Amino acid sequence: MNRKIVIDAGHGGEDPGALGNGITEKNMTLAISEYMYDRFRELGIPVKLTRNSDETVNPTDRVNRILDAFGNDKDVIVISNHINAGGET
């Protein structure tokens, strides 16, 4: 079994996602996604990102990037990174 992974860094570009304590979701999801990408590559696992910069990706394009990442291969795991804003408790 040769599974492949697509990592989706949530939000980006004009869509900052959640904001709190000086942290912007789009920046954190990209940093986390790039870290995961590097670790999977080190393990020899085929992996792709839906974005690798601070760009706006609309929902339709995001899905298309996931579907197109490895062609018609159906043995693909998708990880979509998001970070929720919490309250003060």
C-alpha atoms as a PDB file:
ATOM      1  CA  MET A   1       0.000   0.000   0.000  1.00  0.00           C
ATOM      2  CA  ASN A   2       1.565   3.287  -1.120  1.00  0.00           C
ATOM      3  CA  ARG A   3      -0.530   5.969   0.513  1.00  0.00           C
ATOM      4  CA  LYS A   4      -0.081   9.576  -0.416  1.00  0.00           C
ATOM      5  CA  ILE A   5      -0.901  12.659   1.641  1.00  0.00           C
ATOM      6  CA  VAL A   6      -2.296  16.065   0.719  1.00  0.00           C
ATOM      7  CA  ILE A   7      -1.951  18.715   3.416  1.00  0.00           C
ATOM      8  CA  ASP A   8      -4.345  21.652   3.282  1.00  0.00           C
ATOM      9  CA  ALA A   9      -3.189  24.770   5.130  1.00  0.00           C
ATOM     10  CA  GLY A  10      -6.483  26.410   6.040  1.00  0.00           C
ATOM     11  CA  HIS A  11      -7.290  29.994   5.063  1.00  0.00           C
ATOM     12  CA  GLY A  12      -4.629  32.225   3.476  1.00  0.00           C
ATOM     13  CA  GLY A  13      -4.282  35.459   1.533  1.00  0.00           C
ATOM     14  CA  GLU A  14      -7.316  37.685   2.064  1.00  0.00           C
ATOM     15  CA  ASP A  15      -8.840  35.136   4.491  1.00  0.00           C
ATOM     16  CA  PRO A  16      -6.918  35.342   7.778  1.00  0.00           C
ATOM     17  CA  GLY A  17      -9.103  32.844   9.631  1.00  0.00           C
ATOM     18  CA  ALA A  18      -9.156  33.175  13.417  1.00  0.00           C
ATOM     19  CA  LEU A  19      -7.163  35.921  15.121  1.00  0.00           C
ATOM     20  CA  GLY A  20      -6.065  35.989  18.741  1.00  0.00           C
ATOM     21  CA  ASN A  21      -3.146  37.001  20.945  1.00  0.00           C
ATOM     22  CA  GLY A  22      -1.250  38.284  17.915  1.00  0.00           C
ATOM     23  CA  ILE A  23      -1.593  34.940  16.137  1.00  0.00           C
ATOM     24  CA  THR A  24      -3.206  34.661  12.709  1.00  0.00           C
ATOM     25  CA  GLU A  25      -4.682  31.291  11.791  1.00  0.00           C
ATOM     26  CA  LYS A  26      -3.551  31.450   8.155  1.00  0.00           C
ATOM     27  CA  ASN A  27       0.095  31.879   9.221  1.00  0.00           C
ATOM     28  CA  MET A  28      -0.015  29.119  11.833  1.00  0.00           C
ATOM     29  CA  THR A  29      -1.744  26.613   9.548  1.00  0.00           C
ATOM     30  CA  LEU A  30       0.844  27.271   6.844  1.00  0.00           C
ATOM     31  CA  ALA A  31       3.751  26.854   9.289  1.00  0.00           C
ATOM     32  CA  ILE A  32       2.264  23.630  10.693  1.00  0.00           C
ATOM     33  CA  SER A  33       1.511  22.304   7.205  1.00  0.00           C
ATOM     34  CA  GLU A  34       5.047  23.027   5.973  1.00  0.00           C
ATOM     35  CA  TYR A  35       6.488  21.286   9.054  1.00  0.00           C
ATOM     36  CA  MET A  36       4.300  18.225   8.422  1.00  0.00           C
ATOM     37  CA  TYR A  37       5.249  18.273   4.727  1.00  0.00           C
ATOM     38  CA  ASP A  38       8.952  18.187   5.586  1.00  0.00           C
ATOM     39  CA  ARG A  39       8.505  15.339   8.095  1.00  0.00           C
ATOM     40  CA  PHE A  40       6.482  13.186   5.655  1.00  0.00           C
ATOM     41  CA  ARG A  41       9.089  13.768   2.919  1.00  0.00           C
ATOM     42  CA  GLU A  42      11.850  12.697   5.320  1.00  0.00           C
ATOM     43  CA  LEU A  43       9.913   9.445   5.817  1.00  0.00           C
ATOM     44  CA  GLY A  44       9.665   8.939   2.050  1.00  0.00           C
ATOM     45  CA  ILE A  45       5.899   9.437   1.976  1.00  0.00           C
ATOM     46  CA  PRO A  46       4.574  11.169  -1.161  1.00  0.00           C
ATOM     47  CA  VAL A  47       3.061  14.449   0.020  1.00  0.00           C
ATOM     48  CA  LYS A  48       1.760  17.688  -1.495  1.00  0.00           C
ATOM     49  CA  LEU A  49       0.451  20.993  -0.139  1.00  0.00           C
ATOM     50  CA  THR A  50      -2.655  22.847  -1.325  1.00  0.00           C
ATOM     51  CA  ARG A  51      -0.717  26.095  -0.814  1.00  0.00           C
ATOM     52  CA  ASN A  52       2.860  26.968   0.096  1.00  0.00           C
ATOM     53  CA  SER A  53       2.524  30.734   0.378  1.00  0.00           C
ATOM     54  CA  ASP A  54       0.105  33.333   1.729  1.00  0.00           C
ATOM     55  CA  GLU A  55      -2.381  33.106  -1.119  1.00  0.00           C
ATOM     56  CA  THR A  56      -6.161  33.184  -1.271  1.00  0.00           C
ATOM     57  CA  VAL A  57      -7.585  29.830  -2.365  1.00  0.00           C
ATOM     58  CA  ASN A  58     -11.352  29.762  -2.825  1.00  0.00           C
ATOM     59  CA  PRO A  59     -13.212  26.620  -1.696  1.00  0.00           C
ATOM     60  CA  THR A  60     -13.681  25.252  -5.233  1.00  0.00           C
ATOM     61  CA  ASP A  61      -9.991  25.685  -6.095  1.00  0.00           C
ATOM     62  CA  ARG A  62      -9.008  24.145  -2.754  1.00  0.00           C
ATOM     63  CA  VAL A  63     -11.031  21.000  -3.511  1.00  0.00           C
ATOM     64  CA  ASN A  64      -9.652  20.873  -7.061  1.00  0.00           C
ATOM     65  CA  ARG A  65      -6.073  21.122  -5.783  1.00  0.00           C
ATOM     66  CA  ILE A  66      -6.758  18.204  -3.451  1.00  0.00           C
ATOM     67  CA  LEU A  67      -8.358  16.127  -6.219  1.00  0.00           C
ATOM     68  CA  ASP A  68      -5.625  16.970  -8.745  1.00  0.00           C
ATOM     69  CA  ALA A  69      -2.680  16.438  -6.381  1.00  0.00           C
ATOM     70  CA  PHE A  70      -2.120  12.791  -7.324  1.00  0.00           C
ATOM     71  CA  GLY A  71      -4.305  12.415 -10.409  1.00  0.00           C
ATOM     72  CA  ASN A  72      -6.834   9.606 -10.243  1.00  0.00           C
ATOM     73  CA  ASP A  73      -5.138   7.860  -7.321  1.00  0.00           C
ATOM     74  CA  LYS A  74      -7.751   6.978  -4.703  1.00  0.00           C
ATOM     75  CA  ASP A  75      -5.284   5.998  -1.967  1.00  0.00           C
ATOM     76  CA  VAL A  76      -4.815   9.547  -0.673  1.00  0.00           C
ATOM     77  CA  ILE A  77      -5.146  10.893   2.857  1.00  0.00           C
ATOM     78  CA  VAL A  78      -6.146  14.565   3.191  1.00  0.00           C
ATOM     79  CA  ILE A  79      -5.200  16.537   6.292  1.00  0.00           C
ATOM     80  CA  SER A  80      -6.821  19.978   6.584  1.00  0.00           C
ATOM     81  CA  ASN A  81      -5.234  22.161   9.262  1.00  0.00           C
ATOM     82  CA  HIS A  82      -7.342  24.731  11.110  1.00  0.00           C
ATOM     83  CA  ILE A  83      -6.939  26.432  14.467  1.00  0.00           C
ATOM     84  CA  ASN A  84      -9.943  27.695  16.393  1.00  0.00           C
ATOM     85  CA  ALA A  85      -9.952  30.924  18.360  1.00  0.00           C
ATOM     86  CA  GLY A  86     -10.615  30.250  22.015  1.00  0.00           C
ATOM     87  CA  GLY A  87     -12.127  32.290  24.768  1.00  0.00           C
ATOM     88  CA  GLU A  88     -10.352  33.440  27.881  1.00  0.00           C
ATOM     89  CA  THR A  89     -11.064  30.251  29.846  1.00  0.00           C
END
